[in-house]
C-alpha cells in the first residue's frame, strides 16, 4: 500500500471531530462496535477515507449531494480506481441510503467484510442450518 501523506493527519483529525450526520450515524450506530476494527478518516495514499477496515482491506465512502455533480463524479472515479489499485475494495454509499435504509447499508457492509476475510478470520461460526438432528 502507498505511504500515506503525513500532511493529511491534521485534516483527518479535524474531519473526525466534525463528522457529517451520516458519518456520525454509521460510526456510532454500527462501525464503532463492529467486531472487526474500522478507523474513521484514515489517510491512505493521497486520500482520506471516510472509514477504513485494514483486515478486510475495505474503504467506505459516504457520498452526499455534492458527489453527484459531473466534476465530482469524475474525481470520485479517479479516487476509487487509485484506492482499488492498492488492492482495496471501495464501497460508495449515498447519504440517502443511510437515511432511508440504514439496516440494509449495515447488512451490505457486513456481507462485504465477511466476503473479504480469509475463512479462518470469519466473524461467525459455521452454520448448523440444514443439519439433521
N, C-alpha and C. Protein backbone atom coordinates (compact mmCIF):
# COMPACT_ATOMS: atom_id res chain seq x y z
N UNK A 1 0.85 -1.19 0.00
CA UNK A 1 0.00 0.00 0.00
C UNK A 1 0.89 1.23 0.00
N UNK A 2 0.45 2.27 -0.65
CA UNK A 2 1.21 3.51 -0.68
C UNK A 2 1.30 4.11 0.72
N UNK A 3 2.43 4.75 0.96
CA UNK A 3 2.57 5.51 2.21
C UNK A 3 1.51 6.61 2.22
N UNK A 4 1.04 6.90 3.40
CA UNK A 4 0.08 8.00 3.46
C UNK A 4 0.82 9.32 3.53
N UNK A 5 0.13 10.34 3.16
CA UNK A 5 0.68 11.69 3.18
C UNK A 5 0.55 12.24 4.60
N UNK A 6 1.67 12.40 5.28
CA UNK A 6 1.66 12.86 6.68
C UNK A 6 0.98 14.22 6.83
N UNK A 7 0.97 14.99 5.77
CA UNK A 7 0.31 16.30 5.82
C UNK A 7 -1.20 16.16 6.02
N UNK A 8 -1.74 14.99 5.73
CA UNK A 8 -3.19 14.77 5.89
C UNK A 8 -3.60 14.51 7.32
N UNK A 9 -2.66 14.23 8.21
CA UNK A 9 -3.01 13.86 9.58
C UNK A 9 -3.81 14.95 10.30
N UNK A 10 -3.37 16.21 10.28
CA UNK A 10 -4.19 17.23 10.97
C UNK A 10 -5.59 17.36 10.38
N UNK A 11 -5.70 17.26 9.04
CA UNK A 11 -7.01 17.35 8.40
C UNK A 11 -7.87 16.16 8.80
N UNK A 12 -7.28 14.96 8.85
CA UNK A 12 -8.03 13.76 9.24
C UNK A 12 -8.56 13.93 10.67
N UNK A 13 -7.74 14.47 11.56
CA UNK A 13 -8.18 14.69 12.95
C UNK A 13 -9.34 15.67 12.99
N UNK A 14 -9.25 16.73 12.19
CA UNK A 14 -10.33 17.72 12.13
C UNK A 14 -11.61 17.08 11.61
N UNK A 15 -11.47 16.26 10.56
CA UNK A 15 -12.65 15.59 9.99
C UNK A 15 -13.29 14.63 10.99
N UNK A 16 -12.46 13.96 11.80
CA UNK A 16 -13.01 13.06 12.83
C UNK A 16 -13.84 13.84 13.85
N UNK A 17 -13.38 15.05 14.16
CA UNK A 17 -14.10 15.88 15.14
C UNK A 17 -15.36 16.50 14.54
N UNK A 18 -15.40 16.60 13.23
CA UNK A 18 -16.51 17.29 12.56
C UNK A 18 -17.19 16.38 11.55
N UNK A 19 -17.57 15.19 12.00
CA UNK A 19 -18.21 14.24 11.09
C UNK A 19 -19.56 14.77 10.62
N UNK A 20 -19.96 14.36 9.43
CA UNK A 20 -21.29 14.70 8.94
C UNK A 20 -22.31 13.88 9.75
N UNK A 21 -23.57 14.27 9.73
CA UNK A 21 -24.59 13.48 10.45
C UNK A 21 -24.63 12.02 9.99
N UNK A 22 -24.38 11.76 8.71
CA UNK A 22 -24.43 10.41 8.16
C UNK A 22 -23.22 9.60 8.62
N UNK A 23 -22.05 10.25 8.63
CA UNK A 23 -20.86 9.57 9.14
C UNK A 23 -21.04 9.25 10.63
N UNK A 24 -21.58 10.20 11.36
CA UNK A 24 -21.80 10.03 12.80
C UNK A 24 -22.73 8.84 13.06
N UNK A 25 -23.83 8.79 12.29
CA UNK A 25 -24.79 7.69 12.47
C UNK A 25 -24.14 6.34 12.17
N UNK A 26 -23.45 6.24 11.03
CA UNK A 26 -22.83 4.98 10.66
C UNK A 26 -21.77 4.59 11.70
N UNK A 27 -20.99 5.53 12.18
CA UNK A 27 -19.94 5.23 13.15
C UNK A 27 -20.52 4.80 14.50
N UNK A 28 -21.38 5.63 15.06
CA UNK A 28 -21.86 5.38 16.42
C UNK A 28 -22.90 4.27 16.51
N UNK A 29 -23.65 4.06 15.43
CA UNK A 29 -24.70 3.05 15.49
C UNK A 29 -24.30 1.71 14.85
N UNK A 30 -23.11 1.66 14.24
CA UNK A 30 -22.72 0.39 13.62
C UNK A 30 -21.21 0.12 13.67
N UNK A 31 -20.40 0.93 13.01
CA UNK A 31 -19.00 0.60 12.82
C UNK A 31 -18.16 0.64 14.09
N UNK A 32 -18.47 1.53 15.00
CA UNK A 32 -17.65 1.68 16.21
C UNK A 32 -17.59 0.38 17.01
N UNK A 33 -18.69 -0.35 17.07
CA UNK A 33 -18.73 -1.58 17.84
C UNK A 33 -18.70 -2.84 16.97
N UNK A 34 -18.37 -2.67 15.70
CA UNK A 34 -18.29 -3.82 14.79
C UNK A 34 -17.14 -4.72 15.26
N UNK A 35 -17.31 -6.06 15.14
CA UNK A 35 -16.28 -6.96 15.68
C UNK A 35 -14.90 -6.87 14.99
N UNK A 36 -14.86 -6.36 13.78
CA UNK A 36 -13.59 -6.13 13.09
C UNK A 36 -13.35 -4.62 13.11
N UNK A 37 -12.13 -4.20 13.45
CA UNK A 37 -11.84 -2.78 13.67
C UNK A 37 -11.95 -1.94 12.39
N UNK A 38 -12.68 -0.84 12.51
CA UNK A 38 -12.74 0.20 11.49
C UNK A 38 -12.10 1.44 12.05
N UNK A 39 -11.53 2.26 11.17
CA UNK A 39 -10.98 3.55 11.54
C UNK A 39 -11.75 4.63 10.79
N UNK A 40 -11.85 5.80 11.43
CA UNK A 40 -12.52 6.94 10.80
C UNK A 40 -11.48 7.86 10.19
N UNK A 41 -11.83 8.45 9.05
CA UNK A 41 -11.00 9.46 8.41
C UNK A 41 -9.54 9.01 8.37
N UNK A 42 -9.30 7.90 7.68
CA UNK A 42 -7.98 7.28 7.60
C UNK A 42 -7.22 7.77 6.37
N UNK A 43 -6.03 8.31 6.59
CA UNK A 43 -5.17 8.75 5.48
C UNK A 43 -4.63 7.52 4.77
N UNK A 44 -4.93 7.44 3.46
CA UNK A 44 -4.47 6.33 2.62
C UNK A 44 -3.98 6.93 1.31
N UNK A 45 -2.72 6.74 1.01
CA UNK A 45 -2.16 7.35 -0.20
C UNK A 45 -2.35 8.85 -0.16
N UNK A 46 -2.95 9.40 -1.21
CA UNK A 46 -3.18 10.84 -1.28
C UNK A 46 -4.56 11.23 -0.77
N UNK A 47 -5.28 10.28 -0.19
CA UNK A 47 -6.67 10.50 0.18
C UNK A 47 -6.90 10.30 1.67
N UNK A 48 -8.07 10.75 2.10
CA UNK A 48 -8.54 10.46 3.45
C UNK A 48 -9.87 9.74 3.28
N UNK A 49 -9.87 8.46 3.63
CA UNK A 49 -11.08 7.64 3.50
C UNK A 49 -12.00 7.92 4.67
N UNK A 50 -13.32 7.95 4.40
CA UNK A 50 -14.28 8.17 5.49
C UNK A 50 -14.13 7.08 6.55
N UNK A 51 -14.10 5.82 6.11
CA UNK A 51 -13.94 4.68 7.02
C UNK A 51 -13.04 3.66 6.36
N UNK A 52 -12.23 2.98 7.18
CA UNK A 52 -11.29 2.01 6.65
C UNK A 52 -11.18 0.82 7.59
N UNK A 53 -11.22 -0.38 7.00
CA UNK A 53 -11.04 -1.62 7.74
C UNK A 53 -9.82 -2.33 7.14
N UNK A 54 -8.71 -2.33 7.87
CA UNK A 54 -7.46 -2.90 7.35
C UNK A 54 -7.59 -4.40 7.12
N UNK A 55 -8.21 -5.12 8.06
CA UNK A 55 -8.32 -6.58 7.93
C UNK A 55 -9.07 -6.98 6.68
N UNK A 56 -10.12 -6.24 6.35
CA UNK A 56 -10.93 -6.55 5.17
C UNK A 56 -10.46 -5.79 3.93
N UNK A 57 -9.45 -4.92 4.11
CA UNK A 57 -8.95 -4.07 3.02
C UNK A 57 -10.12 -3.33 2.35
N UNK A 58 -10.95 -2.74 3.21
CA UNK A 58 -12.19 -2.11 2.76
C UNK A 58 -12.23 -0.62 3.11
N UNK A 59 -12.56 0.18 2.11
CA UNK A 59 -12.77 1.61 2.28
C UNK A 59 -14.26 1.88 2.09
N UNK A 60 -14.85 2.66 3.00
CA UNK A 60 -16.25 3.06 2.84
C UNK A 60 -16.26 4.57 2.69
N UNK A 61 -16.87 5.02 1.60
CA UNK A 61 -17.02 6.45 1.32
C UNK A 61 -18.50 6.79 1.34
N UNK A 62 -18.87 7.78 2.13
CA UNK A 62 -20.26 8.25 2.15
C UNK A 62 -20.36 9.46 1.24
N UNK A 63 -21.31 9.42 0.34
CA UNK A 63 -21.45 10.47 -0.66
C UNK A 63 -22.73 11.26 -0.46
N UNK A 64 -22.55 12.56 -0.23
CA UNK A 64 -23.68 13.49 -0.15
C UNK A 64 -23.97 14.05 -1.53
N UNK A 65 -24.89 15.00 -1.59
CA UNK A 65 -25.34 15.58 -2.85
C UNK A 65 -24.23 16.15 -3.71
N UNK A 66 -23.20 16.70 -3.09
CA UNK A 66 -22.09 17.29 -3.83
C UNK A 66 -21.31 16.28 -4.66
N UNK A 67 -21.46 15.01 -4.35
CA UNK A 67 -20.72 13.98 -5.07
C UNK A 67 -21.36 13.63 -6.40
N UNK A 68 -22.51 14.19 -6.69
CA UNK A 68 -23.22 13.78 -7.90
C UNK A 68 -23.15 14.82 -9.01
N UNK A 69 -22.27 15.81 -8.85
CA UNK A 69 -22.01 16.72 -9.96
C UNK A 69 -21.07 16.00 -10.93
N UNK A 70 -21.05 16.42 -12.18
CA UNK A 70 -20.20 15.77 -13.18
C UNK A 70 -18.74 15.83 -12.75
N UNK A 71 -18.30 16.99 -12.31
CA UNK A 71 -16.90 17.17 -11.91
C UNK A 71 -16.54 16.27 -10.73
N UNK A 72 -17.39 16.23 -9.71
CA UNK A 72 -17.09 15.43 -8.52
C UNK A 72 -17.17 13.94 -8.82
N UNK A 73 -18.09 13.54 -9.70
CA UNK A 73 -18.20 12.13 -10.08
C UNK A 73 -16.90 11.68 -10.74
N UNK A 74 -16.31 12.53 -11.59
CA UNK A 74 -15.03 12.20 -12.23
C UNK A 74 -13.93 12.05 -11.18
N UNK A 75 -13.88 12.98 -10.23
CA UNK A 75 -12.87 12.92 -9.16
C UNK A 75 -13.05 11.66 -8.33
N UNK A 76 -14.30 11.32 -8.01
CA UNK A 76 -14.57 10.13 -7.21
C UNK A 76 -14.16 8.85 -7.95
N UNK A 77 -14.36 8.84 -9.28
CA UNK A 77 -13.98 7.68 -10.08
C UNK A 77 -12.46 7.49 -10.04
N UNK A 78 -11.73 8.58 -10.19
CA UNK A 78 -10.26 8.53 -10.12
C UNK A 78 -9.82 8.04 -8.74
N UNK A 79 -10.42 8.60 -7.72
CA UNK A 79 -10.10 8.22 -6.33
C UNK A 79 -10.37 6.73 -6.10
N UNK A 80 -11.53 6.26 -6.55
CA UNK A 80 -11.88 4.85 -6.37
C UNK A 80 -10.88 3.96 -7.10
N UNK A 81 -10.54 4.29 -8.34
CA UNK A 81 -9.59 3.49 -9.12
C UNK A 81 -8.23 3.46 -8.44
N UNK A 82 -7.80 4.59 -7.91
CA UNK A 82 -6.50 4.65 -7.25
C UNK A 82 -6.49 3.79 -5.97
N UNK A 83 -7.56 3.87 -5.21
CA UNK A 83 -7.65 3.04 -4.00
C UNK A 83 -7.72 1.56 -4.36
N UNK A 84 -8.46 1.24 -5.42
CA UNK A 84 -8.55 -0.16 -5.87
C UNK A 84 -7.20 -0.66 -6.37
N UNK A 85 -6.38 0.24 -6.94
CA UNK A 85 -5.05 -0.16 -7.41
C UNK A 85 -4.15 -0.54 -6.22
N UNK A 86 -4.54 -0.15 -5.02
CA UNK A 86 -3.81 -0.52 -3.79
C UNK A 86 -4.38 -1.82 -3.20
N UNK A 87 -5.17 -2.52 -4.01
CA UNK A 87 -5.80 -3.77 -3.60
C UNK A 87 -6.82 -3.57 -2.48
N UNK A 88 -7.53 -2.46 -2.55
CA UNK A 88 -8.59 -2.17 -1.59
C UNK A 88 -9.94 -2.27 -2.29
N UNK A 89 -10.97 -2.64 -1.54
CA UNK A 89 -12.33 -2.61 -2.04
C UNK A 89 -12.93 -1.28 -1.57
N UNK A 90 -13.63 -0.60 -2.46
CA UNK A 90 -14.24 0.68 -2.12
C UNK A 90 -15.76 0.57 -2.23
N UNK A 91 -16.45 0.85 -1.14
CA UNK A 91 -17.91 0.94 -1.16
C UNK A 91 -18.29 2.40 -1.12
N UNK A 92 -19.05 2.85 -2.10
CA UNK A 92 -19.56 4.22 -2.10
C UNK A 92 -21.03 4.12 -1.70
N UNK A 93 -21.38 4.79 -0.62
CA UNK A 93 -22.75 4.72 -0.10
C UNK A 93 -23.33 6.12 -0.06
N UNK A 94 -24.50 6.24 -0.63
CA UNK A 94 -25.20 7.53 -0.68
C UNK A 94 -25.78 7.86 0.70
N UNK A 95 -25.66 9.13 1.09
CA UNK A 95 -26.24 9.57 2.36
C UNK A 95 -27.73 9.24 2.46
N UNK A 96 -28.44 9.31 1.33
CA UNK A 96 -29.87 8.99 1.34
C UNK A 96 -30.10 7.55 1.78
N UNK A 97 -29.18 6.65 1.42
CA UNK A 97 -29.32 5.25 1.84
C UNK A 97 -29.15 5.13 3.35
N UNK A 98 -28.28 5.95 3.93
CA UNK A 98 -28.13 5.96 5.39
C UNK A 98 -29.46 6.40 6.02
N UNK A 99 -30.09 7.41 5.42
CA UNK A 99 -31.37 7.92 5.94
C UNK A 99 -32.51 6.93 5.74
N UNK A 100 -32.58 6.33 4.57
CA UNK A 100 -33.77 5.56 4.18
C UNK A 100 -33.67 4.06 4.40
N UNK A 101 -32.42 3.53 4.43
CA UNK A 101 -32.27 2.08 4.54
C UNK A 101 -31.02 1.74 5.35
N UNK A 102 -30.95 2.28 6.55
CA UNK A 102 -29.76 2.12 7.38
C UNK A 102 -29.45 0.64 7.64
N UNK A 103 -30.46 -0.13 7.95
CA UNK A 103 -30.24 -1.56 8.22
C UNK A 103 -29.66 -2.26 6.99
N UNK A 104 -30.19 -1.93 5.82
CA UNK A 104 -29.67 -2.52 4.58
C UNK A 104 -28.22 -2.13 4.33
N UNK A 105 -27.86 -0.89 4.62
CA UNK A 105 -26.47 -0.42 4.47
C UNK A 105 -25.57 -1.24 5.40
N UNK A 106 -25.99 -1.41 6.64
CA UNK A 106 -25.19 -2.17 7.61
C UNK A 106 -25.03 -3.63 7.17
N UNK A 107 -26.09 -4.22 6.64
CA UNK A 107 -26.02 -5.60 6.16
C UNK A 107 -25.07 -5.71 4.97
N UNK A 108 -25.11 -4.72 4.08
CA UNK A 108 -24.25 -4.68 2.91
C UNK A 108 -22.78 -4.60 3.34
N UNK A 109 -22.48 -3.74 4.29
CA UNK A 109 -21.11 -3.61 4.79
C UNK A 109 -20.67 -4.92 5.44
N UNK A 110 -21.53 -5.48 6.28
CA UNK A 110 -21.23 -6.72 6.98
C UNK A 110 -20.92 -7.84 5.98
N UNK A 111 -21.75 -7.98 4.97
CA UNK A 111 -21.56 -9.01 3.95
C UNK A 111 -20.24 -8.80 3.21
N UNK A 112 -19.94 -7.55 2.87
CA UNK A 112 -18.70 -7.24 2.15
C UNK A 112 -17.49 -7.58 3.01
N UNK A 113 -17.54 -7.25 4.29
CA UNK A 113 -16.43 -7.58 5.20
C UNK A 113 -16.26 -9.09 5.27
N UNK A 114 -17.35 -9.81 5.48
CA UNK A 114 -17.27 -11.27 5.61
C UNK A 114 -16.71 -11.93 4.35
N UNK A 115 -17.10 -11.41 3.18
CA UNK A 115 -16.60 -11.97 1.92
C UNK A 115 -15.10 -11.74 1.75
N UNK A 116 -14.60 -10.65 2.29
CA UNK A 116 -13.20 -10.28 2.07
C UNK A 116 -12.25 -10.93 3.06
N UNK A 117 -12.77 -11.43 4.17
CA UNK A 117 -11.90 -12.03 5.17
C UNK A 117 -11.53 -13.45 4.80
N UNK A 118 -10.31 -13.87 5.17
CA UNK A 118 -9.98 -15.28 4.99
C UNK A 118 -10.93 -16.13 5.84
N UNK A 119 -11.18 -17.34 5.43
CA UNK A 119 -12.14 -18.19 6.13
C UNK A 119 -11.80 -18.30 7.62
N UNK A 120 -10.52 -18.36 7.96
CA UNK A 120 -10.12 -18.52 9.35
C UNK A 120 -10.47 -17.31 10.21
N UNK A 121 -10.64 -16.16 9.56
CA UNK A 121 -10.94 -14.94 10.32
C UNK A 121 -12.42 -14.59 10.28
N UNK A 122 -13.24 -15.52 9.83
CA UNK A 122 -14.67 -15.28 9.70
C UNK A 122 -15.28 -14.82 11.02
N UNK A 123 -16.29 -13.97 10.93
CA UNK A 123 -16.93 -13.42 12.12
C UNK A 123 -17.87 -14.39 12.79
N UNK A 124 -18.37 -15.36 12.04
CA UNK A 124 -19.37 -16.27 12.60
C UNK A 124 -18.91 -17.71 12.47
N UNK A 125 -19.40 -18.52 13.37
CA UNK A 125 -19.10 -19.95 13.33
C UNK A 125 -19.89 -20.56 12.17
N UNK A 126 -19.43 -21.70 11.66
CA UNK A 126 -20.18 -22.35 10.57
C UNK A 126 -21.63 -22.60 10.99
N UNK A 127 -22.51 -22.39 10.06
CA UNK A 127 -23.94 -22.54 10.34
C UNK A 127 -24.30 -24.00 10.48
N UNK A 128 -25.22 -24.28 11.39
CA UNK A 128 -25.70 -25.66 11.54
C UNK A 128 -27.04 -25.85 10.85
N UNK A 129 -27.43 -24.82 10.06
CA UNK A 129 -28.71 -24.92 9.36
C UNK A 129 -28.65 -26.09 8.38
N UNK A 130 -29.73 -26.80 8.31
CA UNK A 130 -29.84 -27.89 7.37
C UNK A 130 -29.28 -29.20 7.93
N UNK A 131 -28.61 -29.11 9.08
CA UNK A 131 -28.08 -30.34 9.68
C UNK A 131 -29.23 -31.14 10.28
N UNK A 132 -29.16 -32.40 10.08
CA UNK A 132 -30.24 -33.25 10.63
C UNK A 132 -29.94 -33.53 12.08
N UNK A 133 -30.99 -33.50 12.89
CA UNK A 133 -30.79 -33.61 14.31
C UNK A 133 -31.08 -34.93 14.79
